[in-house]
N, C-alpha and C. Protein backbone atom coordinates (compact mmCIF):
# COMPACT_ATOMS: atom_id res chain seq x y z
N UNK A 1 112.69 67.48 100.02
CA UNK A 1 111.82 68.64 100.15
C UNK A 1 111.90 69.18 101.57
N UNK A 2 111.82 70.48 101.66
CA UNK A 2 111.79 71.15 102.96
C UNK A 2 110.48 71.89 103.09
N UNK A 3 110.04 72.08 104.30
CA UNK A 3 108.84 72.87 104.56
C UNK A 3 109.26 74.29 104.93
N UNK A 4 108.42 75.25 104.60
CA UNK A 4 108.68 76.64 104.92
C UNK A 4 108.95 76.80 106.41
N UNK A 5 108.16 76.14 107.24
CA UNK A 5 108.32 76.29 108.69
C UNK A 5 109.70 75.88 109.17
N UNK A 6 110.37 74.99 108.43
CA UNK A 6 111.70 74.54 108.82
C UNK A 6 112.77 75.60 108.59
N UNK A 7 112.54 76.51 107.65
CA UNK A 7 113.56 77.51 107.35
C UNK A 7 113.33 78.84 108.07
N UNK A 8 112.17 78.98 108.70
CA UNK A 8 111.89 80.23 109.40
C UNK A 8 112.81 80.39 110.60
N UNK A 9 113.20 81.63 110.87
CA UNK A 9 114.02 81.95 112.04
C UNK A 9 113.75 83.41 112.38
N UNK A 10 114.49 83.93 113.31
CA UNK A 10 114.30 85.34 113.69
C UNK A 10 114.63 86.29 112.54
N UNK A 11 115.32 85.79 111.53
CA UNK A 11 115.68 86.62 110.37
C UNK A 11 114.67 86.56 109.24
N UNK A 12 113.68 85.69 109.37
CA UNK A 12 112.69 85.49 108.31
C UNK A 12 111.30 85.56 108.92
N UNK A 13 110.44 86.40 108.34
CA UNK A 13 109.09 86.59 108.85
C UNK A 13 108.07 86.08 107.82
N UNK A 14 107.25 85.13 108.23
CA UNK A 14 106.16 84.67 107.38
C UNK A 14 105.08 85.75 107.40
N UNK A 15 104.72 86.28 106.24
CA UNK A 15 103.72 87.35 106.20
C UNK A 15 102.40 86.89 105.59
N UNK A 16 102.33 85.64 105.19
CA UNK A 16 101.06 85.06 104.74
C UNK A 16 100.49 84.24 105.89
N UNK A 17 99.35 83.59 105.64
CA UNK A 17 98.70 82.86 106.73
C UNK A 17 99.51 81.64 107.16
N UNK A 18 99.22 81.17 108.35
CA UNK A 18 99.99 80.07 108.96
C UNK A 18 99.92 78.78 108.15
N UNK A 19 98.86 78.58 107.40
CA UNK A 19 98.73 77.36 106.61
C UNK A 19 99.86 77.23 105.58
N UNK A 20 100.39 78.35 105.14
CA UNK A 20 101.45 78.30 104.13
C UNK A 20 102.79 77.84 104.71
N UNK A 21 102.86 77.71 106.04
CA UNK A 21 104.11 77.21 106.65
C UNK A 21 104.40 75.78 106.24
N UNK A 22 103.39 75.05 105.80
CA UNK A 22 103.57 73.66 105.38
C UNK A 22 103.90 73.54 103.90
N UNK A 23 103.97 74.66 103.19
CA UNK A 23 104.38 74.62 101.78
C UNK A 23 105.79 74.07 101.68
N UNK A 24 106.09 73.49 100.53
CA UNK A 24 107.37 72.83 100.35
C UNK A 24 108.23 73.53 99.29
N UNK A 25 109.53 73.36 99.45
CA UNK A 25 110.47 73.84 98.45
C UNK A 25 111.68 72.93 98.42
N UNK A 26 112.34 72.94 97.30
CA UNK A 26 113.59 72.19 97.13
C UNK A 26 114.49 73.03 96.25
N UNK A 27 115.48 73.65 96.85
CA UNK A 27 116.36 74.54 96.13
C UNK A 27 115.77 75.94 96.03
N UNK A 28 116.56 76.85 95.49
CA UNK A 28 116.12 78.23 95.34
C UNK A 28 116.56 78.76 93.98
N UNK A 29 115.87 79.79 93.54
CA UNK A 29 116.27 80.52 92.35
C UNK A 29 116.17 82.00 92.71
N UNK A 30 117.24 82.74 92.52
CA UNK A 30 117.27 84.15 92.88
C UNK A 30 117.34 85.01 91.63
N UNK A 31 116.38 85.91 91.50
CA UNK A 31 116.37 86.83 90.37
C UNK A 31 115.40 87.97 90.65
N UNK A 32 115.68 89.11 90.06
CA UNK A 32 114.74 90.22 90.05
C UNK A 32 114.22 90.44 88.63
N UNK A 33 114.60 89.56 87.74
CA UNK A 33 114.14 89.59 86.36
C UNK A 33 113.22 88.38 86.18
N UNK A 34 111.92 88.62 86.29
CA UNK A 34 110.98 87.51 86.34
C UNK A 34 110.97 86.68 85.06
N UNK A 35 111.31 87.28 83.93
CA UNK A 35 111.38 86.49 82.69
C UNK A 35 112.49 85.45 82.78
N UNK A 36 113.53 85.75 83.51
CA UNK A 36 114.60 84.78 83.73
C UNK A 36 114.10 83.60 84.56
N UNK A 37 113.27 83.88 85.54
CA UNK A 37 112.69 82.81 86.36
C UNK A 37 111.83 81.89 85.51
N UNK A 38 111.06 82.45 84.60
CA UNK A 38 110.21 81.64 83.72
C UNK A 38 111.06 80.65 82.94
N UNK A 39 112.19 81.11 82.47
CA UNK A 39 113.04 80.26 81.64
C UNK A 39 113.85 79.24 82.43
N UNK A 40 114.28 79.60 83.65
CA UNK A 40 115.28 78.78 84.33
C UNK A 40 114.84 78.08 85.62
N UNK A 41 113.75 78.50 86.23
CA UNK A 41 113.37 77.89 87.51
C UNK A 41 112.98 76.43 87.34
N UNK A 42 113.30 75.64 88.36
CA UNK A 42 112.93 74.23 88.39
C UNK A 42 111.74 74.04 89.32
N UNK A 43 111.05 72.94 89.12
CA UNK A 43 109.87 72.59 89.91
C UNK A 43 110.20 72.62 91.41
N UNK A 44 109.37 73.29 92.18
CA UNK A 44 109.43 73.36 93.64
C UNK A 44 110.55 74.24 94.20
N UNK A 45 111.28 74.96 93.35
CA UNK A 45 112.28 75.88 93.87
C UNK A 45 111.57 77.08 94.51
N UNK A 46 112.20 77.64 95.54
CA UNK A 46 111.73 78.89 96.13
C UNK A 46 112.30 80.04 95.29
N UNK A 47 111.53 81.10 95.18
CA UNK A 47 111.98 82.29 94.45
C UNK A 47 112.46 83.33 95.44
N UNK A 48 113.67 83.80 95.26
CA UNK A 48 114.23 84.89 96.07
C UNK A 48 114.24 86.14 95.19
N UNK A 49 113.56 87.20 95.65
CA UNK A 49 113.42 88.40 94.82
C UNK A 49 113.11 89.61 95.69
N UNK A 50 113.26 90.79 95.13
CA UNK A 50 112.77 91.99 95.80
C UNK A 50 111.56 92.58 95.08
N UNK A 51 111.09 91.90 94.06
CA UNK A 51 109.93 92.36 93.29
C UNK A 51 108.65 91.94 94.01
N UNK A 52 107.83 92.93 94.37
CA UNK A 52 106.59 92.64 95.09
C UNK A 52 105.38 93.11 94.30
N UNK A 53 105.38 92.82 93.02
CA UNK A 53 104.23 93.16 92.17
C UNK A 53 103.35 91.92 92.01
N UNK A 54 102.15 92.14 91.53
CA UNK A 54 101.23 91.02 91.30
C UNK A 54 101.81 90.02 90.30
N UNK A 55 102.69 90.49 89.44
CA UNK A 55 103.33 89.61 88.47
C UNK A 55 104.13 88.51 89.16
N UNK A 56 104.71 88.82 90.30
CA UNK A 56 105.47 87.82 91.05
C UNK A 56 104.56 86.67 91.48
N UNK A 57 103.36 87.00 91.94
CA UNK A 57 102.42 85.95 92.35
C UNK A 57 101.95 85.17 91.13
N UNK A 58 101.68 85.85 90.04
CA UNK A 58 101.27 85.16 88.81
C UNK A 58 102.35 84.18 88.35
N UNK A 59 103.59 84.61 88.43
CA UNK A 59 104.71 83.74 88.08
C UNK A 59 104.76 82.53 89.00
N UNK A 60 104.59 82.76 90.29
CA UNK A 60 104.63 81.66 91.26
C UNK A 60 103.53 80.64 90.96
N UNK A 61 102.36 81.11 90.62
CA UNK A 61 101.26 80.21 90.28
C UNK A 61 101.61 79.42 89.02
N UNK A 62 102.09 80.10 88.01
CA UNK A 62 102.41 79.46 86.74
C UNK A 62 103.49 78.39 86.90
N UNK A 63 104.47 78.64 87.77
CA UNK A 63 105.61 77.73 87.91
C UNK A 63 105.48 76.79 89.12
N UNK A 64 104.34 76.80 89.79
CA UNK A 64 104.11 75.95 90.95
C UNK A 64 105.12 76.24 92.07
N UNK A 65 105.41 77.51 92.26
CA UNK A 65 106.30 77.95 93.33
C UNK A 65 105.46 78.13 94.59
N UNK A 66 105.88 77.50 95.69
CA UNK A 66 105.12 77.57 96.93
C UNK A 66 105.73 78.54 97.94
N UNK A 67 106.92 79.07 97.65
CA UNK A 67 107.60 79.98 98.57
C UNK A 67 108.29 81.09 97.80
N UNK A 68 107.97 82.32 98.18
CA UNK A 68 108.66 83.50 97.66
C UNK A 68 109.30 84.21 98.84
N UNK A 69 110.60 84.42 98.76
CA UNK A 69 111.34 85.11 99.81
C UNK A 69 111.61 86.53 99.32
N UNK A 70 111.07 87.50 100.05
CA UNK A 70 111.21 88.91 99.71
C UNK A 70 112.38 89.48 100.50
N UNK A 71 113.37 89.99 99.79
CA UNK A 71 114.62 90.44 100.42
C UNK A 71 114.65 91.94 100.66
N UNK A 72 115.65 92.36 101.42
CA UNK A 72 115.97 93.77 101.61
C UNK A 72 114.83 94.57 102.23
N UNK A 73 114.01 93.89 103.04
CA UNK A 73 112.88 94.53 103.72
C UNK A 73 112.00 95.36 102.79
N UNK A 74 111.78 94.86 101.59
CA UNK A 74 110.94 95.56 100.63
C UNK A 74 109.53 95.74 101.19
N UNK A 75 108.93 96.87 100.87
CA UNK A 75 107.54 97.10 101.26
C UNK A 75 106.65 96.13 100.52
N UNK A 76 105.67 95.61 101.22
CA UNK A 76 104.74 94.65 100.63
C UNK A 76 103.32 95.15 100.88
N UNK A 77 102.57 95.35 99.81
CA UNK A 77 101.20 95.82 99.94
C UNK A 77 100.29 94.68 100.39
N UNK A 78 99.23 95.03 101.09
CA UNK A 78 98.30 94.02 101.59
C UNK A 78 97.67 93.22 100.45
N UNK A 79 97.41 93.85 99.32
CA UNK A 79 96.80 93.11 98.20
C UNK A 79 97.74 92.04 97.66
N UNK A 80 99.04 92.26 97.77
CA UNK A 80 100.04 91.26 97.37
C UNK A 80 99.96 90.07 98.33
N UNK A 81 99.89 90.35 99.61
CA UNK A 81 99.77 89.29 100.62
C UNK A 81 98.45 88.54 100.45
N UNK A 82 97.36 89.27 100.22
CA UNK A 82 96.05 88.64 100.05
C UNK A 82 96.04 87.69 98.86
N UNK A 83 96.63 88.11 97.77
CA UNK A 83 96.67 87.24 96.59
C UNK A 83 97.53 86.01 96.86
N UNK A 84 98.63 86.18 97.54
CA UNK A 84 99.47 85.02 97.89
C UNK A 84 98.69 84.05 98.77
N UNK A 85 97.93 84.56 99.72
CA UNK A 85 97.10 83.69 100.56
C UNK A 85 96.07 82.95 99.72
N UNK A 86 95.42 83.65 98.82
CA UNK A 86 94.42 83.04 97.95
C UNK A 86 95.03 81.92 97.11
N UNK A 87 96.25 82.11 96.66
CA UNK A 87 96.93 81.13 95.80
C UNK A 87 97.75 80.12 96.61
N UNK A 88 97.70 80.22 97.94
CA UNK A 88 98.45 79.32 98.83
C UNK A 88 99.96 79.38 98.58
N UNK A 89 100.47 80.58 98.47
CA UNK A 89 101.90 80.80 98.29
C UNK A 89 102.44 81.45 99.56
N UNK A 90 103.46 80.86 100.14
CA UNK A 90 104.08 81.43 101.33
C UNK A 90 104.95 82.62 100.93
N UNK A 91 104.77 83.72 101.64
CA UNK A 91 105.64 84.88 101.48
C UNK A 91 106.45 85.03 102.76
N UNK A 92 107.75 85.06 102.61
CA UNK A 92 108.65 85.25 103.74
C UNK A 92 109.47 86.50 103.47
N UNK A 93 109.48 87.39 104.43
CA UNK A 93 110.19 88.66 104.29
C UNK A 93 111.43 88.64 105.17
N UNK A 94 112.50 89.25 104.66
CA UNK A 94 113.75 89.31 105.41
C UNK A 94 114.48 90.62 105.13
N UNK A 95 115.30 91.02 106.08
CA UNK A 95 116.17 92.18 105.88
C UNK A 95 117.42 91.80 105.10
N UNK A 96 117.69 90.51 105.01
CA UNK A 96 118.86 90.05 104.26
C UNK A 96 118.77 90.48 102.80
N UNK A 97 119.93 90.70 102.20
CA UNK A 97 120.01 90.90 100.76
C UNK A 97 120.04 89.52 100.11
N UNK A 98 119.85 89.46 98.82
CA UNK A 98 119.75 88.19 98.11
C UNK A 98 120.91 87.26 98.41
N UNK A 99 122.12 87.75 98.27
CA UNK A 99 123.27 86.87 98.48
C UNK A 99 123.34 86.38 99.93
N UNK A 100 122.88 87.18 100.87
CA UNK A 100 122.88 86.76 102.27
C UNK A 100 121.88 85.64 102.52
N UNK A 101 120.74 85.70 101.86
CA UNK A 101 119.76 84.61 101.98
C UNK A 101 120.36 83.32 101.45
N UNK A 102 120.99 83.39 100.29
CA UNK A 102 121.59 82.20 99.70
C UNK A 102 122.66 81.62 100.62
N UNK A 103 123.52 82.46 101.14
CA UNK A 103 124.56 81.98 102.05
C UNK A 103 123.94 81.36 103.30
N UNK A 104 122.95 82.04 103.87
CA UNK A 104 122.31 81.54 105.08
C UNK A 104 121.63 80.19 104.84
N UNK A 105 120.87 80.08 103.77
CA UNK A 105 120.17 78.82 103.48
C UNK A 105 121.17 77.70 103.19
N UNK A 106 122.27 78.03 102.54
CA UNK A 106 123.31 77.04 102.29
C UNK A 106 123.94 76.57 103.60
N UNK A 107 124.29 77.52 104.45
CA UNK A 107 124.92 77.17 105.73
C UNK A 107 123.99 76.35 106.62
N UNK A 108 122.70 76.55 106.47
CA UNK A 108 121.72 75.81 107.28
C UNK A 108 121.27 74.52 106.61
N UNK A 109 121.84 74.20 105.45
CA UNK A 109 121.59 72.92 104.80
C UNK A 109 120.35 72.83 103.93
N UNK A 110 119.76 73.96 103.58
CA UNK A 110 118.56 73.94 102.75
C UNK A 110 118.86 73.93 101.26
N UNK A 111 120.07 74.33 100.89
CA UNK A 111 120.46 74.29 99.48
C UNK A 111 121.89 73.79 99.38
């Protein structure tokens, strides 16, 4: 297991409260089709997506996801961040595109 704080860098911005830096993940699942995540995600995987709707947080709660990585500098509404904080889900935002996040996390030994 890795902690969110271990993967943060100048390319990744934690946009939820600091307590979520201690959330854990093991592996990642990348999709913008949330129904696919429901079917295929494994326990404790981080979700990589550009979808910033409340459904993403609901999915994270349902699947025990502690980290959602928002790609491509997608706009994130405050109510999305507030709900993630309430549910203790770390939101990390990046300018990287999905494949760049995967490559970066692989090169840094997280996946």
